[in-house]
Amino acid sequence: MSDFEFFFSFYGLILGLSVAEIASGVARTVHERGELRVGWLTPMLAVFVSLDVAGFWVVAWQDWRGIAFDFGILVIGLVMAMTYYVAAAVVFPREFQGWASLDEHFWARRRLVFGGILATNLMALAGTIWAWLAADRSYPFPMNWVSWSYFLLVFAALLMPKGRAMYFVLGLLILYFLNWLPQLNPLQAAVGAAL
């Protein structure tokens, strides 16, 4: 097992727990469905956070292999993964009593969720830049305007006032990750096939 694989097994375990928190929230919501209005915001947030964790996992695997492993890297990875875990853990309420709907819970907790995700992804961006600078830089920088739009959308979701525009922003964030799947993006698949 390489140093990176050792680090990634620890890091991936905590990211996996983030996904388990969301799955647990979905299960609790299904169980309480008759007692609680679900709405659309929290389910959309759960889909986004799940896709974001999966994307984060992929990017870390692809872009961080060149980083030399040491205890400091392990601690940074721990902080990032734990921040994701906390964000994922508050997508759904622990107890449904006291909440009129999941949309109400969304508006009460969304800054914590989006703030954690933004902070973690900014740390990851710093790690990606560091890995790119440490490499021979023979490949292009792994960010483009689509990647930067992700940060703008998360920042907008963090700060925007309560309103229907949040559905649009969450929809764009989900589409951002679906864009990674060539089978769901015919234009991307066609361009890839032409190249």
C-alpha atoms as a PDB file:
ATOM      1  CA  MET A   1       0.000   0.000   0.000  1.00  0.00           C
ATOM      2  CA  SER A   2       1.410   3.374  -0.994  1.00  0.00           C
ATOM      3  CA  ASP A   3       1.471   6.407   1.310  1.00  0.00           C
ATOM      4  CA  PHE A   4      -1.305   8.008  -0.734  1.00  0.00           C
ATOM      5  CA  GLU A   5      -3.487   4.886  -0.549  1.00  0.00           C
ATOM      6  CA  PHE A   6      -2.980   4.789   3.224  1.00  0.00           C
ATOM      7  CA  PHE A   7      -4.016   8.443   3.513  1.00  0.00           C
ATOM      8  CA  PHE A   8      -6.924   8.001   1.129  1.00  0.00           C
ATOM      9  CA  SER A   9      -8.330   4.980   2.973  1.00  0.00           C
ATOM     10  CA  PHE A  10      -8.583   7.079   6.155  1.00  0.00           C
ATOM     11  CA  TYR A  11      -9.898  10.128   4.317  1.00  0.00           C
ATOM     12  CA  GLY A  12     -12.374   8.089   2.266  1.00  0.00           C
ATOM     13  CA  LEU A  13     -13.765   6.421   5.380  1.00  0.00           C
ATOM     14  CA  ILE A  14     -14.815   9.786   6.825  1.00  0.00           C
ATOM     15  CA  LEU A  15     -16.257  10.922   3.473  1.00  0.00           C
ATOM     16  CA  GLY A  16     -18.200   7.661   3.367  1.00  0.00           C
ATOM     17  CA  LEU A  17     -19.696   8.481   6.757  1.00  0.00           C
ATOM     18  CA  SER A  18     -20.920  11.767   5.263  1.00  0.00           C
ATOM     19  CA  VAL A  19     -22.888   9.834   2.658  1.00  0.00           C
ATOM     20  CA  ALA A  20     -24.197   7.538   5.415  1.00  0.00           C
ATOM     21  CA  GLU A  21     -25.483  10.601   7.323  1.00  0.00           C
ATOM     22  CA  ILE A  22     -27.456  11.720   4.284  1.00  0.00           C
ATOM     23  CA  ALA A  23     -28.827   8.211   3.713  1.00  0.00           C
ATOM     24  CA  SER A  24     -29.845   8.081   7.369  1.00  0.00           C
ATOM     25  CA  GLY A  25     -31.638  11.424   7.003  1.00  0.00           C
ATOM     26  CA  VAL A  26     -33.500  10.166   3.948  1.00  0.00           C
ATOM     27  CA  ALA A  27     -34.539   7.027   5.856  1.00  0.00           C
ATOM     28  CA  ARG A  28     -35.779   9.058   8.837  1.00  0.00           C
ATOM     29  CA  THR A  29     -37.712  11.335   6.472  1.00  0.00           C
ATOM     30  CA  VAL A  30     -39.369   8.383   4.738  1.00  0.00           C
ATOM     31  CA  HIS A  31     -40.288   7.017   8.161  1.00  0.00           C
ATOM     32  CA  GLU A  32     -41.820  10.347   9.270  1.00  0.00           C
ATOM     33  CA  ARG A  33     -43.313  11.297   5.908  1.00  0.00           C
ATOM     34  CA  GLY A  34     -46.941  11.342   7.073  1.00  0.00           C
ATOM     35  CA  GLU A  35     -46.073  13.601  10.011  1.00  0.00           C
ATOM     36  CA  LEU A  36     -43.954  16.176   8.189  1.00  0.00           C
ATOM     37  CA  ARG A  37     -44.174  18.265   5.049  1.00  0.00           C
ATOM     38  CA  VAL A  38     -41.107  17.381   3.005  1.00  0.00           C
ATOM     39  CA  GLY A  39     -40.982  20.041   0.276  1.00  0.00           C
ATOM     40  CA  TRP A  40     -38.225  20.212  -2.347  1.00  0.00           C
ATOM     41  CA  LEU A  41     -35.350  22.173  -0.820  1.00  0.00           C
ATOM     42  CA  THR A  42     -33.973  19.587   1.594  1.00  0.00           C
ATOM     43  CA  PRO A  43     -34.195  16.681  -0.884  1.00  0.00           C
ATOM     44  CA  MET A  44     -32.437  18.839  -3.501  1.00  0.00           C
ATOM     45  CA  LEU A  45     -29.802  19.770  -0.923  1.00  0.00           C
ATOM     46  CA  ALA A  46     -29.327  16.086  -0.047  1.00  0.00           C
ATOM     47  CA  VAL A  47     -28.806  15.228  -3.725  1.00  0.00           C
ATOM     48  CA  PHE A  48     -26.355  18.112  -4.141  1.00  0.00           C
ATOM     49  CA  VAL A  49     -24.327  17.252  -1.013  1.00  0.00           C
ATOM     50  CA  SER A  50     -24.185  13.574  -2.020  1.00  0.00           C
ATOM     51  CA  LEU A  51     -22.959  14.468  -5.511  1.00  0.00           C
ATOM     52  CA  ASP A  52     -20.535  16.977  -4.043  1.00  0.00           C
ATOM     53  CA  VAL A  53     -19.022  14.384  -1.704  1.00  0.00           C
ATOM     54  CA  ALA A  54     -18.689  11.938  -4.620  1.00  0.00           C
ATOM     55  CA  GLY A  55     -17.090  14.640  -6.775  1.00  0.00           C
ATOM     56  CA  PHE A  56     -14.786  15.640  -3.961  1.00  0.00           C
ATOM     57  CA  TRP A  57     -13.696  12.030  -3.581  1.00  0.00           C
ATOM     58  CA  VAL A  58     -12.945  11.724  -7.318  1.00  0.00           C
ATOM     59  CA  VAL A  59     -11.017  14.998  -7.505  1.00  0.00           C
ATOM     60  CA  ALA A  60      -8.941  14.084  -4.461  1.00  0.00           C
ATOM     61  CA  TRP A  61      -8.079  10.710  -5.998  1.00  0.00           C
ATOM     62  CA  GLN A  62      -7.153  12.254  -9.349  1.00  0.00           C
ATOM     63  CA  ASP A  63      -5.341  15.409  -8.266  1.00  0.00           C
ATOM     64  CA  TRP A  64      -3.650  14.663  -4.945  1.00  0.00           C
ATOM     65  CA  ARG A  65      -1.530  11.632  -5.783  1.00  0.00           C
ATOM     66  CA  GLY A  66       1.574  13.788  -6.144  1.00  0.00           C
ATOM     67  CA  ILE A  67       1.364  15.213  -2.633  1.00  0.00           C
ATOM     68  CA  ALA A  68       4.024  13.811  -0.298  1.00  0.00           C
ATOM     69  CA  PHE A  69       2.332  12.144   2.677  1.00  0.00           C
ATOM     70  CA  ASP A  70       3.103  13.267   6.223  1.00  0.00           C
ATOM     71  CA  PHE A  71       1.201  13.852   9.464  1.00  0.00           C
ATOM     72  CA  GLY A  72       0.313  17.426   8.436  1.00  0.00           C
ATOM     73  CA  ILE A  73      -1.397  16.155   5.259  1.00  0.00           C
ATOM     74  CA  LEU A  74      -3.310  13.618   7.348  1.00  0.00           C
ATOM     75  CA  VAL A  75      -4.533  16.376   9.695  1.00  0.00           C
ATOM     76  CA  ILE A  76      -5.551  18.624   6.778  1.00  0.00           C
ATOM     77  CA  GLY A  77      -7.447  15.714   5.216  1.00  0.00           C
ATOM     78  CA  LEU A  78      -9.074  15.005   8.568  1.00  0.00           C
ATOM     79  CA  VAL A  79     -10.235  18.630   8.921  1.00  0.00           C
ATOM     80  CA  MET A  80     -11.629  18.643   5.387  1.00  0.00           C
ATOM     81  CA  ALA A  81     -13.446  15.315   5.726  1.00  0.00           C
ATOM     82  CA  MET A  82     -14.831  16.225   9.165  1.00  0.00           C
ATOM     83  CA  THR A  83     -16.116  19.545   7.822  1.00  0.00           C
ATOM     84  CA  TYR A  84     -17.930  17.612   5.098  1.00  0.00           C
ATOM     85  CA  TYR A  85     -19.320  15.238   7.702  1.00  0.00           C
ATOM     86  CA  VAL A  86     -20.724  18.082   9.801  1.00  0.00           C
ATOM     87  CA  ALA A  87     -22.285  19.700   6.699  1.00  0.00           C
ATOM     88  CA  ALA A  88     -23.852  16.379   5.677  1.00  0.00           C
ATOM     89  CA  ALA A  89     -25.063  15.653   9.207  1.00  0.00           C
ATOM     90  CA  VAL A  90     -27.202  18.812   9.351  1.00  0.00           C
ATOM     91  CA  VAL A  91     -28.891  18.434   5.942  1.00  0.00           C
ATOM     92  CA  PHE A  92     -31.748  16.615   7.714  1.00  0.00           C
ATOM     93  CA  PRO A  93     -32.909  17.303  11.283  1.00  0.00           C
ATOM     94  CA  ARG A  94     -31.995  14.781  13.980  1.00  0.00           C
ATOM     95  CA  GLU A  95     -35.495  15.076  15.432  1.00  0.00           C
ATOM     96  CA  PHE A  96     -38.474  16.158  13.350  1.00  0.00           C
ATOM     97  CA  GLN A  97     -40.456  17.553  16.269  1.00  0.00           C
ATOM     98  CA  GLY A  98     -40.348  21.331  16.296  1.00  0.00           C
ATOM     99  CA  TRP A  99     -40.066  21.673  12.510  1.00  0.00           C
ATOM    100  CA  ALA A 100     -43.184  22.482  10.505  1.00  0.00           C
ATOM    101  CA  SER A 101     -41.496  21.290   7.320  1.00  0.00           C
ATOM    102  CA  LEU A 102     -38.120  20.274   5.947  1.00  0.00           C
ATOM    103  CA  ASP A 103     -38.066  23.551   4.012  1.00  0.00           C
ATOM    104  CA  GLU A 104     -38.123  25.391   7.350  1.00  0.00           C
ATOM    105  CA  HIS A 105     -35.171  23.296   8.512  1.00  0.00           C
ATOM    106  CA  PHE A 106     -33.377  24.009   5.223  1.00  0.00           C
ATOM    107  CA  TRP A 107     -33.562  27.782   5.731  1.00  0.00           C
ATOM    108  CA  ALA A 108     -32.440  27.460   9.351  1.00  0.00           C
ATOM    109  CA  ARG A 109     -29.375  25.285   8.549  1.00  0.00           C
ATOM    110  CA  ARG A 110     -28.409  26.036   4.947  1.00  0.00           C
ATOM    111  CA  ARG A 111     -25.627  28.495   5.833  1.00  0.00           C
ATOM    112  CA  LEU A 112     -23.908  25.852   7.938  1.00  0.00           C
ATOM    113  CA  VAL A 113     -24.187  23.301   5.105  1.00  0.00           C
ATOM    114  CA  PHE A 114     -23.108  25.602   2.266  1.00  0.00           C
ATOM    115  CA  GLY A 115     -20.460  27.276   4.430  1.00  0.00           C
ATOM    116  CA  GLY A 116     -18.914  23.906   5.302  1.00  0.00           C
ATOM    117  CA  ILE A 117     -18.969  22.770   1.700  1.00  0.00           C
ATOM    118  CA  LEU A 118     -17.484  26.038   0.467  1.00  0.00           C
ATOM    119  CA  ALA A 119     -14.733  25.967   3.115  1.00  0.00           C
ATOM    120  CA  THR A 120     -13.855  22.358   2.326  1.00  0.00           C
ATOM    121  CA  ASN A 121     -13.765  22.944  -1.415  1.00  0.00           C
ATOM    122  CA  LEU A 122     -11.601  26.045  -0.981  1.00  0.00           C
ATOM    123  CA  MET A 123      -9.163  23.923   1.041  1.00  0.00           C
ATOM    124  CA  ALA A 124      -9.288  21.298  -1.718  1.00  0.00           C
ATOM    125  CA  LEU A 125      -8.645  23.967  -4.332  1.00  0.00           C
ATOM    126  CA  ALA A 126      -5.594  25.081  -2.368  1.00  0.00           C
ATOM    127  CA  GLY A 127      -4.435  21.433  -2.287  1.00  0.00           C
ATOM    128  CA  THR A 128      -5.018  21.065  -6.023  1.00  0.00           C
ATOM    129  CA  ILE A 129      -3.040  24.218  -6.753  1.00  0.00           C
ATOM    130  CA  TRP A 130      -0.253  22.984  -4.464  1.00  0.00           C
ATOM    131  CA  ALA A 131      -0.185  19.567  -6.191  1.00  0.00           C
ATOM    132  CA  TRP A 132      -0.144  21.220  -9.618  1.00  0.00           C
ATOM    133  CA  LEU A 133       2.714  23.518  -8.615  1.00  0.00           C
ATOM    134  CA  ALA A 134       4.631  20.568  -7.148  1.00  0.00           C
ATOM    135  CA  ALA A 135       4.225  18.596 -10.392  1.00  0.00           C
ATOM    136  CA  ASP A 136       6.065  19.338 -13.602  1.00  0.00           C
ATOM    137  CA  ARG A 137       3.039  21.357 -14.807  1.00  0.00           C
ATOM    138  CA  SER A 138       3.164  19.630 -18.178  1.00  0.00           C
ATOM    139  CA  TYR A 139      -0.618  19.274 -18.005  1.00  0.00           C
ATOM    140  CA  PRO A 140      -3.014  22.241 -17.950  1.00  0.00           C
ATOM    141  CA  PHE A 141      -4.285  23.639 -14.681  1.00  0.00           C
ATOM    142  CA  PRO A 142      -7.240  21.445 -13.612  1.00  0.00           C
ATOM    143  CA  MET A 143      -9.768  24.303 -13.325  1.00  0.00           C
ATOM    144  CA  ASN A 144     -11.876  26.022 -15.980  1.00  0.00           C
ATOM    145  CA  TRP A 145     -14.792  28.447 -16.085  1.00  0.00           C
ATOM    146  CA  VAL A 146     -17.236  25.617 -15.301  1.00  0.00           C
ATOM    147  CA  SER A 147     -15.259  24.754 -12.167  1.00  0.00           C
ATOM    148  CA  TRP A 148     -15.150  28.389 -11.077  1.00  0.00           C
ATOM    149  CA  SER A 149     -18.927  28.660 -11.632  1.00  0.00           C
ATOM    150  CA  TYR A 150     -19.336  25.965  -8.962  1.00  0.00           C
ATOM    151  CA  PHE A 151     -17.726  28.218  -6.357  1.00  0.00           C
ATOM    152  CA  LEU A 152     -19.898  31.160  -7.396  1.00  0.00           C
ATOM    153  CA  LEU A 153     -23.081  29.086  -7.115  1.00  0.00           C
ATOM    154  CA  VAL A 154     -22.195  27.723  -3.666  1.00  0.00           C
ATOM    155  CA  PHE A 155     -21.308  31.233  -2.511  1.00  0.00           C
ATOM    156  CA  ALA A 156     -24.637  32.520  -3.894  1.00  0.00           C
ATOM    157  CA  ALA A 157     -26.535  29.732  -2.086  1.00  0.00           C
ATOM    158  CA  LEU A 158     -24.738  30.646   1.125  1.00  0.00           C
ATOM    159  CA  LEU A 159     -25.680  34.321   0.991  1.00  0.00           C
ATOM    160  CA  MET A 160     -28.908  34.635  -0.985  1.00  0.00           C
ATOM    161  CA  PRO A 161     -32.060  35.669   0.875  1.00  0.00           C
ATOM    162  CA  LYS A 162     -34.981  33.343   1.379  1.00  0.00           C
ATOM    163  CA  GLY A 163     -36.909  32.893  -1.846  1.00  0.00           C
ATOM    164  CA  ARG A 164     -37.654  30.797  -4.909  1.00  0.00           C
ATOM    165  CA  ALA A 165     -34.294  31.597  -6.519  1.00  0.00           C
ATOM    166  CA  MET A 166     -32.791  28.919  -4.254  1.00  0.00           C
ATOM    167  CA  TYR A 167     -34.528  26.213  -6.309  1.00  0.00           C
ATOM    168  CA  PHE A 168     -32.754  27.530  -9.399  1.00  0.00           C
ATOM    169  CA  VAL A 169     -29.337  27.660  -7.696  1.00  0.00           C
ATOM    170  CA  LEU A 170     -29.711  24.153  -6.252  1.00  0.00           C
ATOM    171  CA  GLY A 171     -30.830  22.905  -9.665  1.00  0.00           C
ATOM    172  CA  LEU A 172     -27.728  24.412 -11.287  1.00  0.00           C
ATOM    173  CA  LEU A 173     -25.492  22.866  -8.622  1.00  0.00           C
ATOM    174  CA  ILE A 174     -26.999  19.433  -9.275  1.00  0.00           C
ATOM    175  CA  LEU A 175     -26.621  19.937 -13.051  1.00  0.00           C
ATOM    176  CA  TYR A 176     -22.980  20.882 -12.485  1.00  0.00           C
ATOM    177  CA  PHE A 177     -22.285  17.355 -11.229  1.00  0.00           C
ATOM    178  CA  LEU A 178     -24.508  15.650 -13.793  1.00  0.00           C
ATOM    179  CA  ASN A 179     -22.330  17.374 -16.394  1.00  0.00           C
ATOM    180  CA  TRP A 180     -19.551  15.009 -15.233  1.00  0.00           C
ATOM    181  CA  LEU A 181     -21.509  12.064 -16.639  1.00  0.00           C
ATOM    182  CA  PRO A 182     -21.019  11.863 -20.420  1.00  0.00           C
ATOM    183  CA  GLN A 183     -24.001   9.530 -20.821  1.00  0.00           C
ATOM    184  CA  LEU A 184     -26.258  12.266 -19.373  1.00  0.00           C
ATOM    185  CA  ASN A 185     -24.654  15.049 -21.365  1.00  0.00           C
ATOM    186  CA  PRO A 186     -24.987  14.368 -25.128  1.00  0.00           C
ATOM    187  CA  LEU A 187     -22.987  17.456 -26.116  1.00  0.00           C
ATOM    188  CA  GLN A 188     -20.067  16.473 -23.878  1.00  0.00           C
ATOM    189  CA  ALA A 189     -20.219  12.894 -25.193  1.00  0.00           C
ATOM    190  CA  ALA A 190     -20.278  14.111 -28.805  1.00  0.00           C
ATOM    191  CA  VAL A 191     -17.298  16.420 -28.266  1.00  0.00           C
ATOM    192  CA  GLY A 192     -15.408  13.621 -26.493  1.00  0.00           C
ATOM    193  CA  ALA A 193     -16.116  11.216 -29.353  1.00  0.00           C
ATOM    194  CA  ALA A 194     -14.997  13.772 -31.950  1.00  0.00           C
ATOM    195  CA  LEU A 195     -11.667  14.277 -30.180  1.00  0.00           C
END
